[in-house]
Amino acid sequence: MKKSIHIISGLMVLVLGALAPVAVSSPPPEAAADNDIYDDSPAVDARLAMRHLWAQQVSIMHAYIVSATSDLPDTEWLMKSATRNADDIAAVVTAYYSSAYGAKLSALLREHVILFSDAVRMAREREKDEMGPVQDKLDRNGHEIVSFLADANPNWSAGELDDVIEAHINYENDQLMARIDHDWDSDNKAWIEAGKNALKLADMLSQGLERQFPDRFVAAN
């Protein structure tokens, strides 16, 4: 039951946020002509799919932090869920490149999850002063993800991606430290900001794909 509460509550907050841009009533014809927010094209579908996956990743990781720091029995299950979702994110991108590219991206995203689990373990065991090397590895992994993405798509700005990936790492760390210190308010704030940042990242990736592969986003007649 606790496992279900973690996942469901997280997804309700973040996935609803992911759907917000298209959850609107039918516009008058003249408005629809000027605003693609009402478009049900492949581009919109792809953006929603990407948002859903990143929102879900943030939700799962927060549930993992809660369970791992509280020694709950669903901790290992949540870790596996996070790595599976990382694979799903990589699979979406792989559809535009190659299986080899997807395998590398999946490995990098999985590495982030595994490294962060090491940070969670050390924080739980009160080894905060010894977490420096793990944090350095997380930062290095983040830079590798940015470089790997930017090299494949000129529409993905390395500088902009680096800012968002760095924020992703920082928000996870903020949630972890807040849970360890029983600072529930700060934990919740960091989780909410992590969700917003994840949607920003998802949109950046989607827009880059649309610009590099415009023919893949043409609506069927």
C-alpha atoms as a PDB file:
ATOM      1  CA  MET A   1       0.000   0.000   0.000  1.00  0.00           C
ATOM      2  CA  LYS A   2       2.805   2.462   0.864  1.00  0.00           C
ATOM      3  CA  LYS A   3       4.422   1.775  -2.493  1.00  0.00           C
ATOM      4  CA  SER A   4       1.209   2.565  -4.318  1.00  0.00           C
ATOM      5  CA  ILE A   5       0.664   5.766  -2.345  1.00  0.00           C
ATOM      6  CA  HIS A   6       4.144   7.018  -3.238  1.00  0.00           C
ATOM      7  CA  ILE A   7       3.781   6.418  -6.954  1.00  0.00           C
ATOM      8  CA  ILE A   8       0.150   7.443  -7.345  1.00  0.00           C
ATOM      9  CA  SER A   9       0.454  10.670  -5.385  1.00  0.00           C
ATOM     10  CA  GLY A  10       3.568  11.664  -7.293  1.00  0.00           C
ATOM     11  CA  LEU A  11       2.113  10.914 -10.679  1.00  0.00           C
ATOM     12  CA  MET A  12      -1.103  12.811  -9.900  1.00  0.00           C
ATOM     13  CA  VAL A  13       0.899  15.989  -9.276  1.00  0.00           C
ATOM     14  CA  LEU A  14       3.431  15.701 -12.081  1.00  0.00           C
ATOM     15  CA  VAL A  15       1.478  14.054 -14.866  1.00  0.00           C
ATOM     16  CA  LEU A  16      -1.384  16.499 -14.428  1.00  0.00           C
ATOM     17  CA  GLY A  17       1.194  19.224 -14.845  1.00  0.00           C
ATOM     18  CA  ALA A  18       2.494  17.500 -17.966  1.00  0.00           C
ATOM     19  CA  LEU A  19      -0.989  17.459 -19.466  1.00  0.00           C
ATOM     20  CA  ALA A  20      -1.852  21.047 -18.595  1.00  0.00           C
ATOM     21  CA  PRO A  21      -0.798  22.654 -21.879  1.00  0.00           C
ATOM     22  CA  VAL A  22      -3.345  20.655 -23.902  1.00  0.00           C
ATOM     23  CA  ALA A  23      -6.142  20.167 -21.359  1.00  0.00           C
ATOM     24  CA  VAL A  24      -8.298  22.960 -22.730  1.00  0.00           C
ATOM     25  CA  SER A  25     -11.761  23.354 -24.204  1.00  0.00           C
ATOM     26  CA  SER A  26     -12.293  23.595 -27.959  1.00  0.00           C
ATOM     27  CA  PRO A  27     -11.309  27.065 -29.205  1.00  0.00           C
ATOM     28  CA  PRO A  28     -13.118  29.224 -31.713  1.00  0.00           C
ATOM     29  CA  PRO A  29     -11.811  28.596 -35.267  1.00  0.00           C
ATOM     30  CA  GLU A  30      -9.967  31.908 -35.463  1.00  0.00           C
ATOM     31  CA  ALA A  31      -8.074  31.147 -32.230  1.00  0.00           C
ATOM     32  CA  ALA A  32      -7.126  27.654 -33.334  1.00  0.00           C
ATOM     33  CA  ALA A  33      -5.610  29.043 -36.508  1.00  0.00           C
ATOM     34  CA  ASP A  34      -3.145  31.147 -34.540  1.00  0.00           C
ATOM     35  CA  ASN A  35      -2.300  28.874 -31.629  1.00  0.00           C
ATOM     36  CA  ASP A  36      -0.848  25.380 -31.982  1.00  0.00           C
ATOM     37  CA  ILE A  37      -1.740  24.587 -28.371  1.00  0.00           C
ATOM     38  CA  TYR A  38      -4.950  23.130 -29.792  1.00  0.00           C
ATOM     39  CA  ASP A  39      -3.126  21.016 -32.361  1.00  0.00           C
ATOM     40  CA  ASP A  40      -3.484  17.258 -32.038  1.00  0.00           C
ATOM     41  CA  SER A  41      -0.581  16.619 -34.412  1.00  0.00           C
ATOM     42  CA  PRO A  42       2.174  14.008 -33.956  1.00  0.00           C
ATOM     43  CA  ALA A  43       4.351  16.754 -32.440  1.00  0.00           C
ATOM     44  CA  VAL A  44       1.898  17.303 -29.588  1.00  0.00           C
ATOM     45  CA  ASP A  45       1.573  13.564 -28.989  1.00  0.00           C
ATOM     46  CA  ALA A  46       5.351  13.210 -28.910  1.00  0.00           C
ATOM     47  CA  ARG A  47       5.762  16.120 -26.497  1.00  0.00           C
ATOM     48  CA  LEU A  48       3.184  14.666 -24.126  1.00  0.00           C
ATOM     49  CA  ALA A  49       4.863  11.252 -24.223  1.00  0.00           C
ATOM     50  CA  MET A  50       8.245  12.805 -23.407  1.00  0.00           C
ATOM     51  CA  ARG A  51       6.743  14.904 -20.599  1.00  0.00           C
ATOM     52  CA  HIS A  52       5.027  11.866 -19.134  1.00  0.00           C
ATOM     53  CA  LEU A  53       8.273   9.885 -18.978  1.00  0.00           C
ATOM     54  CA  TRP A  54      10.287  12.659 -17.338  1.00  0.00           C
ATOM     55  CA  ALA A  55       7.505  13.496 -14.888  1.00  0.00           C
ATOM     56  CA  GLN A  56       7.317   9.822 -14.014  1.00  0.00           C
ATOM     57  CA  GLN A  57      11.089   9.672 -13.486  1.00  0.00           C
ATOM     58  CA  VAL A  58      10.941  12.511 -10.978  1.00  0.00           C
ATOM     59  CA  SER A  59       8.021  10.890  -9.177  1.00  0.00           C
ATOM     60  CA  ILE A  60       9.703   7.485  -8.967  1.00  0.00           C
ATOM     61  CA  MET A  61      12.968   8.977  -7.743  1.00  0.00           C
ATOM     62  CA  HIS A  62      11.184  10.928  -5.025  1.00  0.00           C
ATOM     63  CA  ALA A  63       9.361   7.789  -3.930  1.00  0.00           C
ATOM     64  CA  TYR A  64      12.716   5.997  -3.924  1.00  0.00           C
ATOM     65  CA  ILE A  65      14.275   8.682  -1.724  1.00  0.00           C
ATOM     66  CA  VAL A  66      11.384   8.411   0.736  1.00  0.00           C
ATOM     67  CA  SER A  67      11.520   4.617   0.865  1.00  0.00           C
ATOM     68  CA  ALA A  68      15.309   4.304   0.965  1.00  0.00           C
ATOM     69  CA  THR A  69      15.715   6.840   3.767  1.00  0.00           C
ATOM     70  CA  SER A  70      12.919   5.142   5.724  1.00  0.00           C
ATOM     71  CA  ASP A  71      14.121   1.584   5.045  1.00  0.00           C
ATOM     72  CA  LEU A  72      10.814   0.581   3.455  1.00  0.00           C
ATOM     73  CA  PRO A  73      10.429  -2.784   1.684  1.00  0.00           C
ATOM     74  CA  ASP A  74       9.671  -1.290  -1.739  1.00  0.00           C
ATOM     75  CA  THR A  75      13.084   0.409  -2.035  1.00  0.00           C
ATOM     76  CA  GLU A  76      14.592  -2.140  -4.403  1.00  0.00           C
ATOM     77  CA  TRP A  77      11.436  -2.256  -6.504  1.00  0.00           C
ATOM     78  CA  LEU A  78      11.522   1.519  -6.911  1.00  0.00           C
ATOM     79  CA  MET A  79      15.174   1.402  -7.943  1.00  0.00           C
ATOM     80  CA  LYS A  80      14.329  -1.101 -10.661  1.00  0.00           C
ATOM     81  CA  SER A  81      11.379   1.044 -11.731  1.00  0.00           C
ATOM     82  CA  ALA A  82      13.665   4.067 -12.073  1.00  0.00           C
ATOM     83  CA  THR A  83      16.113   2.182 -14.288  1.00  0.00           C
ATOM     84  CA  ARG A  84      13.271   0.795 -16.421  1.00  0.00           C
ATOM     85  CA  ASN A  85      11.850   4.274 -16.889  1.00  0.00           C
ATOM     86  CA  ALA A  86      15.326   5.512 -17.856  1.00  0.00           C
ATOM     87  CA  ASP A  87      15.325   2.810 -20.529  1.00  0.00           C
ATOM     88  CA  ASP A  88      11.924   4.031 -21.719  1.00  0.00           C
ATOM     89  CA  ILE A  89      13.232   7.593 -22.051  1.00  0.00           C
ATOM     90  CA  ALA A  90      16.196   6.350 -24.057  1.00  0.00           C
ATOM     91  CA  ALA A  91      13.870   4.274 -26.246  1.00  0.00           C
ATOM     92  CA  VAL A  92      11.880   7.365 -27.250  1.00  0.00           C
ATOM     93  CA  VAL A  93      15.063   9.083 -28.429  1.00  0.00           C
ATOM     94  CA  THR A  94      16.365   5.895 -30.057  1.00  0.00           C
ATOM     95  CA  ALA A  95      13.426   5.926 -32.454  1.00  0.00           C
ATOM     96  CA  TYR A  96      15.093   8.871 -34.220  1.00  0.00           C
ATOM     97  CA  TYR A  97      18.672   7.608 -34.205  1.00  0.00           C
ATOM     98  CA  SER A  98      20.062   4.086 -33.888  1.00  0.00           C
ATOM     99  CA  SER A  99      19.910   1.160 -31.492  1.00  0.00           C
ATOM    100  CA  ALA A 100      23.566   1.733 -30.604  1.00  0.00           C
ATOM    101  CA  TYR A 101      22.813   5.359 -29.763  1.00  0.00           C
ATOM    102  CA  GLY A 102      19.877   4.295 -27.621  1.00  0.00           C
ATOM    103  CA  ALA A 103      21.934   1.709 -25.772  1.00  0.00           C
ATOM    104  CA  LYS A 104      24.561   4.318 -24.886  1.00  0.00           C
ATOM    105  CA  LEU A 105      21.968   6.850 -23.734  1.00  0.00           C
ATOM    106  CA  SER A 106      20.236   4.190 -21.669  1.00  0.00           C
ATOM    107  CA  ALA A 107      23.550   3.273 -20.030  1.00  0.00           C
ATOM    108  CA  LEU A 108      24.230   6.910 -19.145  1.00  0.00           C
ATOM    109  CA  LEU A 109      20.754   7.437 -17.661  1.00  0.00           C
ATOM    110  CA  ARG A 110      20.992   4.178 -15.719  1.00  0.00           C
ATOM    111  CA  GLU A 111      24.393   5.230 -14.412  1.00  0.00           C
ATOM    112  CA  HIS A 112      22.820   8.385 -12.990  1.00  0.00           C
ATOM    113  CA  VAL A 113      20.213   6.331 -11.114  1.00  0.00           C
ATOM    114  CA  ILE A 114      22.823   3.938  -9.743  1.00  0.00           C
ATOM    115  CA  LEU A 115      25.181   6.716  -8.672  1.00  0.00           C
ATOM    116  CA  PHE A 116      22.358   8.552  -6.957  1.00  0.00           C
ATOM    117  CA  SER A 117      21.416   5.363  -5.105  1.00  0.00           C
ATOM    118  CA  ASP A 118      24.985   5.331  -3.747  1.00  0.00           C
ATOM    119  CA  ALA A 119      24.494   8.914  -2.539  1.00  0.00           C
ATOM    120  CA  VAL A 120      21.215   7.916  -0.868  1.00  0.00           C
ATOM    121  CA  ARG A 121      22.888   4.998   0.901  1.00  0.00           C
ATOM    122  CA  MET A 122      25.719   7.185   2.177  1.00  0.00           C
ATOM    123  CA  ALA A 123      23.336   9.896   3.369  1.00  0.00           C
ATOM    124  CA  ARG A 124      21.189   7.308   5.149  1.00  0.00           C
ATOM    125  CA  GLU A 125      24.274   5.930   6.881  1.00  0.00           C
ATOM    126  CA  ARG A 126      25.265   9.428   7.975  1.00  0.00           C
ATOM    127  CA  GLU A 127      28.299   9.545   5.690  1.00  0.00           C
ATOM    128  CA  LYS A 128      27.534  13.016   4.356  1.00  0.00           C
ATOM    129  CA  ASP A 129      31.142  14.159   4.662  1.00  0.00           C
ATOM    130  CA  GLU A 130      32.268  11.297   2.419  1.00  0.00           C
ATOM    131  CA  MET A 131      29.782  11.924  -0.392  1.00  0.00           C
ATOM    132  CA  GLY A 132      32.085  14.232  -2.361  1.00  0.00           C
ATOM    133  CA  PRO A 133      33.443  11.575  -4.757  1.00  0.00           C
ATOM    134  CA  VAL A 134      29.945  10.294  -5.528  1.00  0.00           C
ATOM    135  CA  GLN A 135      28.711  13.820  -6.211  1.00  0.00           C
ATOM    136  CA  ASP A 136      31.675  14.359  -8.524  1.00  0.00           C
ATOM    137  CA  LYS A 137      30.715  11.207 -10.426  1.00  0.00           C
ATOM    138  CA  LEU A 138      27.117  12.406 -10.684  1.00  0.00           C
ATOM    139  CA  ASP A 139      28.275  15.740 -12.083  1.00  0.00           C
ATOM    140  CA  ARG A 140      30.607  14.012 -14.534  1.00  0.00           C
ATOM    141  CA  ASN A 141      27.812  11.690 -15.640  1.00  0.00           C
ATOM    142  CA  GLY A 142      25.562  14.717 -16.159  1.00  0.00           C
ATOM    143  CA  HIS A 143      28.151  16.365 -18.402  1.00  0.00           C
ATOM    144  CA  GLU A 144      28.519  13.123 -20.369  1.00  0.00           C
ATOM    145  CA  ILE A 145      24.760  13.006 -20.951  1.00  0.00           C
ATOM    146  CA  VAL A 146      24.782  16.606 -22.161  1.00  0.00           C
ATOM    147  CA  SER A 147      27.720  16.046 -24.527  1.00  0.00           C
ATOM    148  CA  PHE A 148      26.205  12.860 -25.888  1.00  0.00           C
ATOM    149  CA  LEU A 149      22.901  14.568 -26.652  1.00  0.00           C
ATOM    150  CA  ALA A 150      24.396  17.774 -28.052  1.00  0.00           C
ATOM    151  CA  ASP A 151      26.712  15.863 -30.390  1.00  0.00           C
ATOM    152  CA  ALA A 152      23.730  14.124 -31.981  1.00  0.00           C
ATOM    153  CA  ASN A 153      21.461  17.116 -32.470  1.00  0.00           C
ATOM    154  CA  PRO A 154      22.595  20.686 -33.219  1.00  0.00           C
ATOM    155  CA  ASN A 155      19.250  21.940 -31.902  1.00  0.00           C
ATOM    156  CA  TRP A 156      20.114  20.730 -28.414  1.00  0.00           C
ATOM    157  CA  SER A 157      22.213  23.507 -26.907  1.00  0.00           C
ATOM    158  CA  ALA A 158      24.935  22.063 -24.699  1.00  0.00           C
ATOM    159  CA  GLY A 159      24.830  25.123 -22.469  1.00  0.00           C
ATOM    160  CA  GLU A 160      21.060  25.016 -21.969  1.00  0.00           C
ATOM    161  CA  LEU A 161      21.036  21.262 -21.449  1.00  0.00           C
ATOM    162  CA  ASP A 162      23.858  21.519 -18.948  1.00  0.00           C
ATOM    163  CA  ASP A 163      21.886  24.016 -16.874  1.00  0.00           C
ATOM    164  CA  VAL A 164      18.795  21.792 -16.806  1.00  0.00           C
ATOM    165  CA  ILE A 165      20.680  18.554 -16.094  1.00  0.00           C
ATOM    166  CA  GLU A 166      22.649  20.262 -13.315  1.00  0.00           C
ATOM    167  CA  ALA A 167      19.392  21.499 -11.811  1.00  0.00           C
ATOM    168  CA  HIS A 168      17.972  17.961 -12.067  1.00  0.00           C
ATOM    169  CA  ILE A 169      20.874  16.620 -10.014  1.00  0.00           C
ATOM    170  CA  ASN A 170      20.686  19.456  -7.496  1.00  0.00           C
ATOM    171  CA  TYR A 171      16.954  19.041  -6.914  1.00  0.00           C
ATOM    172  CA  GLU A 172      17.427  15.328  -6.261  1.00  0.00           C
ATOM    173  CA  ASN A 173      20.170  16.121  -3.770  1.00  0.00           C
ATOM    174  CA  ASP A 174      17.993  18.761  -2.111  1.00  0.00           C
ATOM    175  CA  GLN A 175      15.185  16.226  -1.669  1.00  0.00           C
ATOM    176  CA  LEU A 176      17.592  13.691  -0.214  1.00  0.00           C
ATOM    177  CA  MET A 177      19.171  16.062   2.293  1.00  0.00           C
ATOM    178  CA  ALA A 178      15.775  17.412   3.328  1.00  0.00           C
ATOM    179  CA  ARG A 179      14.466  13.883   3.987  1.00  0.00           C
ATOM    180  CA  ILE A 180      17.539  13.031   6.027  1.00  0.00           C
ATOM    181  CA  ASP A 181      17.041  16.200   8.104  1.00  0.00           C
ATOM    182  CA  HIS A 182      13.256  15.578   8.420  1.00  0.00           C
ATOM    183  CA  ASP A 183      12.649  18.913   6.702  1.00  0.00           C
ATOM    184  CA  TRP A 184       9.420  17.946   4.980  1.00  0.00           C
ATOM    185  CA  ASP A 185       8.651  21.417   3.689  1.00  0.00           C
ATOM    186  CA  SER A 186      11.991  21.731   1.894  1.00  0.00           C
ATOM    187  CA  ASP A 187      11.641  18.208   0.548  1.00  0.00           C
ATOM    188  CA  ASN A 188       8.263  19.012  -0.964  1.00  0.00           C
ATOM    189  CA  LYS A 189       9.469  22.288  -2.458  1.00  0.00           C
ATOM    190  CA  ALA A 190      12.484  20.597  -4.057  1.00  0.00           C
ATOM    191  CA  TRP A 191      10.259  17.841  -5.440  1.00  0.00           C
ATOM    192  CA  ILE A 192       7.894  20.369  -7.028  1.00  0.00           C
ATOM    193  CA  GLU A 193      10.784  22.293  -8.566  1.00  0.00           C
ATOM    194  CA  ALA A 194      12.276  19.024  -9.833  1.00  0.00           C
ATOM    195  CA  GLY A 195       9.006  18.325 -11.602  1.00  0.00           C
ATOM    196  CA  LYS A 196       8.962  21.723 -13.292  1.00  0.00           C
ATOM    197  CA  ASN A 197      12.570  21.309 -14.351  1.00  0.00           C
ATOM    198  CA  ALA A 198      11.885  17.834 -15.749  1.00  0.00           C
ATOM    199  CA  LEU A 199       9.079  19.181 -17.936  1.00  0.00           C
ATOM    200  CA  LYS A 200      11.415  21.891 -19.193  1.00  0.00           C
ATOM    201  CA  LEU A 201      13.981  19.222 -20.094  1.00  0.00           C
ATOM    202  CA  ALA A 202      11.333  17.119 -21.815  1.00  0.00           C
ATOM    203  CA  ASP A 203      10.215  20.075 -23.931  1.00  0.00           C
ATOM    204  CA  MET A 204      13.793  20.916 -24.888  1.00  0.00           C
ATOM    205  CA  LEU A 205      14.357  17.370 -26.103  1.00  0.00           C
ATOM    206  CA  SER A 206      11.054  17.264 -27.982  1.00  0.00           C
ATOM    207  CA  GLN A 207      11.631  20.583 -29.715  1.00  0.00           C
ATOM    208  CA  GLY A 208      15.111  19.530 -30.770  1.00  0.00           C
ATOM    209  CA  LEU A 209      13.750  16.349 -32.326  1.00  0.00           C
ATOM    210  CA  GLU A 210      11.018  18.271 -34.138  1.00  0.00           C
ATOM    211  CA  ARG A 211      13.562  20.636 -35.664  1.00  0.00           C
ATOM    212  CA  GLN A 212      16.001  17.928 -36.696  1.00  0.00           C
ATOM    213  CA  PHE A 213      13.359  15.541 -38.037  1.00  0.00           C
ATOM    214  CA  PRO A 214      10.457  17.750 -39.222  1.00  0.00           C
ATOM    215  CA  ASP A 215       9.151  15.099 -41.608  1.00  0.00           C
ATOM    216  CA  ARG A 216       8.524  12.764 -38.677  1.00  0.00           C
ATOM    217  CA  PHE A 217       6.029  15.192 -37.196  1.00  0.00           C
ATOM    218  CA  VAL A 218       3.792  15.830 -40.189  1.00  0.00           C
ATOM    219  CA  ALA A 219       0.148  14.995 -39.530  1.00  0.00           C
ATOM    220  CA  ALA A 220      -1.393  12.393 -41.831  1.00  0.00           C
ATOM    221  CA  ASN A 221      -4.024  13.717 -44.199  1.00  0.00           C
END
